[in-house]
Protein backbone atom coordinates (compact mmCIF):
# COMPACT_ATOMS: atom_id res chain seq x y z
CA MET A 1 -0.01 -0.02 -0.03
CA ASN A 2 1.36 3.42 -1.00
CA PRO A 3 1.43 5.72 2.08
CA ASN A 4 1.63 8.85 -0.13
CA PRO A 5 -1.54 10.83 -0.99
CA PRO A 6 -3.32 9.68 -4.18
CA HIS A 7 -2.81 13.06 -5.88
CA LEU A 8 0.93 12.25 -6.27
CA ILE A 9 1.94 10.50 -9.49
CA GLY A 10 4.85 8.06 -9.26
CA ALA A 11 5.16 8.46 -5.48
CA PRO A 12 7.49 5.82 -4.14
CA ASP A 13 6.34 3.39 -1.47
CA ASP A 14 9.03 4.80 0.89
CA PRO A 15 7.59 8.00 2.44
CA ALA A 16 11.13 9.25 3.09
CA GLN A 17 11.80 9.41 -0.68
CA PRO A 18 10.41 12.49 -2.46
CA ALA A 19 7.73 11.94 -5.08
CA PRO A 20 9.09 12.58 -8.60
CA HIS A 21 5.89 14.19 -10.02
CA LYS A 22 2.81 15.86 -8.74
CA LEU A 23 -0.47 15.63 -10.62
CA VAL A 24 -2.16 18.54 -8.90
CA ASP A 25 -1.49 21.00 -6.14
CA VAL A 26 -4.78 22.77 -5.88
CA ASP A 27 -6.48 24.38 -2.91
CA VAL A 28 -9.97 22.86 -3.05
CA ASP A 29 -11.39 25.69 -0.99
CA SER A 30 -10.05 28.39 -3.31
CA ASP A 31 -12.47 30.35 -5.50
CA PRO A 32 -12.19 29.22 -9.14
CA ALA A 33 -12.87 32.84 -10.20
CA ASP A 34 -9.46 33.67 -8.76
CA VAL A 35 -7.64 31.02 -10.85
CA PHE A 36 -8.26 32.86 -14.10
CA ASP A 37 -6.97 36.34 -13.09
CA GLU A 38 -4.74 37.06 -16.03
CA ALA A 39 -5.17 37.42 -19.81
CA PRO A 40 -4.86 34.26 -21.85
CA ALA A 41 -1.81 33.56 -24.02
CA ARG A 42 -3.72 34.22 -27.21
CA ARG A 43 -6.97 35.98 -28.08
CA GLN A 44 -9.66 33.30 -27.49
CA PRO A 45 -13.04 33.24 -29.18
CA GLY A 46 -15.51 34.96 -26.92
CA GLN A 47 -18.61 36.93 -26.35
CA LEU A 48 -18.50 40.62 -25.59
CA VAL A 49 -21.00 41.55 -22.84
CA GLU A 50 -21.97 44.98 -21.52
CA LEU A 51 -22.43 45.25 -17.73
CA PHE A 52 -24.90 47.66 -16.27
CA LEU A 53 -23.69 48.10 -12.68
CA ALA A 54 -25.56 50.15 -10.11
CA GLY A 55 -23.85 53.44 -9.29
CA ARG A 56 -21.67 53.47 -12.40
CA ALA A 57 -22.26 55.89 -15.22
CA ASP A 58 -20.05 54.02 -17.61
CA VAL A 59 -21.01 50.71 -19.17
CA PRO A 60 -17.97 48.34 -18.94
CA VAL A 61 -17.57 45.51 -21.48
CA VAL A 62 -16.18 42.11 -20.56
CA ARG A 63 -15.27 39.10 -22.69
CA ILE A 64 -16.69 35.71 -21.84
CA THR A 65 -14.48 32.91 -22.99
CA ASN A 66 -14.01 29.26 -22.27
CA ARG A 67 -12.08 30.14 -19.05
CA GLU A 68 -15.16 31.81 -17.53
CA ARG A 69 -17.36 28.85 -18.55
CA ILE A 70 -14.94 26.43 -16.83
CA ALA A 71 -14.85 28.64 -13.70
CA TYR A 72 -18.74 28.49 -13.64
CA GLU A 73 -18.78 24.68 -14.05
CA LYS A 74 -16.22 24.15 -11.31
CA THR A 75 -17.94 26.43 -8.91
CA ALA A 76 -21.49 25.10 -9.71
CA ALA A 77 -20.27 21.60 -8.93
CA ARG A 78 -19.51 22.76 -5.42
CA HIS A 79 -22.82 24.53 -4.97
CA ARG A 80 -25.61 21.97 -5.42
CA GLU A 81 -28.18 24.68 -4.57
CA TRP A 82 -27.34 26.52 -7.82
CA PRO A 83 -29.77 25.93 -10.72
CA PRO A 84 -28.64 23.54 -13.45
CA LEU A 85 -27.39 25.32 -16.59
CA GLU A 86 -30.35 24.22 -18.60
CA ILE A 87 -32.69 26.34 -16.51
CA GLY A 88 -30.25 28.72 -14.88
CA LYS A 89 -28.71 30.39 -18.00
CA HIS A 90 -29.10 33.93 -16.61
CA PHE A 91 -27.48 32.80 -13.36
CA ALA A 92 -24.60 31.18 -15.23
CA MET A 93 -24.01 34.20 -17.37
CA THR A 94 -24.03 36.44 -14.33
CA PHE A 95 -21.34 34.26 -12.72
CA MET A 96 -19.29 34.26 -15.92
CA CYS A 97 -19.58 38.06 -16.14
CA TYR A 98 -18.45 38.16 -12.46
CA VAL A 99 -15.31 36.16 -13.24
CA ALA A 100 -14.48 38.31 -16.26
CA ALA A 101 -15.09 41.54 -14.31
CA LYS A 102 -12.75 40.30 -11.50
CA ARG A 103 -10.09 39.37 -14.09
CA ASP A 104 -10.36 42.79 -15.69
CA GLY A 105 -10.22 44.64 -12.41
CA LEU A 106 -13.79 45.99 -12.72
CA PHE A 107 -15.05 44.37 -9.52
CA ALA A 108 -13.22 43.15 -6.41
CA GLY A 109 -16.03 41.90 -4.23
CA THR A 110 -17.81 38.57 -3.79
CA PHE A 111 -20.23 36.94 -6.27
CA GLU A 112 -23.13 37.88 -3.99
CA GLY A 113 -21.98 41.48 -4.01
CA PHE A 114 -21.71 41.40 -7.79
CA CYS A 115 -25.26 40.06 -8.03
CA GLU A 116 -26.43 43.02 -5.93
CA ALA A 117 -24.44 45.57 -8.03
CA LEU A 118 -25.36 44.10 -11.45
CA ASP A 119 -28.58 45.65 -12.80
CA ASP A 120 -28.36 43.79 -16.10
CA TRP A 121 -25.98 42.40 -18.75
CA GLU A 122 -26.32 42.52 -22.52
CA PRO A 123 -24.39 40.45 -25.05
CA ILE A 124 -23.26 42.78 -27.83
CA ALA A 125 -20.98 40.64 -30.10
CA ASP A 126 -19.34 37.31 -30.61
CA GLU A 127 -15.62 37.40 -31.53
CA PRO A 128 -13.59 34.60 -33.18
CA ALA A 129 -10.20 33.61 -31.95
CA ASP A 130 -7.19 35.52 -33.21
CA PRO A 131 -3.97 33.52 -32.74
CA THR A 132 -1.87 36.42 -34.14
CA ARG A 133 -2.78 38.81 -31.32
CA PRO A 134 -1.81 38.38 -27.68
CA GLY A 135 -4.64 38.11 -25.13
CA ALA A 136 -6.37 41.25 -24.08
């Protein structure tokens, strides 16, 4: 029986020996929205969405990409009380806008705070991927 945790790949049976490879080193209690806090390596396909936030005269625009969708799915898996995507599309889009707004520095609070501040969102355009441009 291997005494090392199952998340280590290739861990030797001798606990005094270091494991040569780690599969994952993830804090399961972390917020998946915090994982995607930087621009992607290339411009991903995405959807531009206007955010109408209470108390703001400007209308910021965020990009929803696969990274925000993954953050939603990871978080929804931990919150069984959230509606399934099939009937909670507005809820899911609100969360994806929250992740994008956090990444872009437009909002620093919690998801609950974002829900209170967000009056509405409006998709304005779909954009294809552009591998020749760096992420923005």
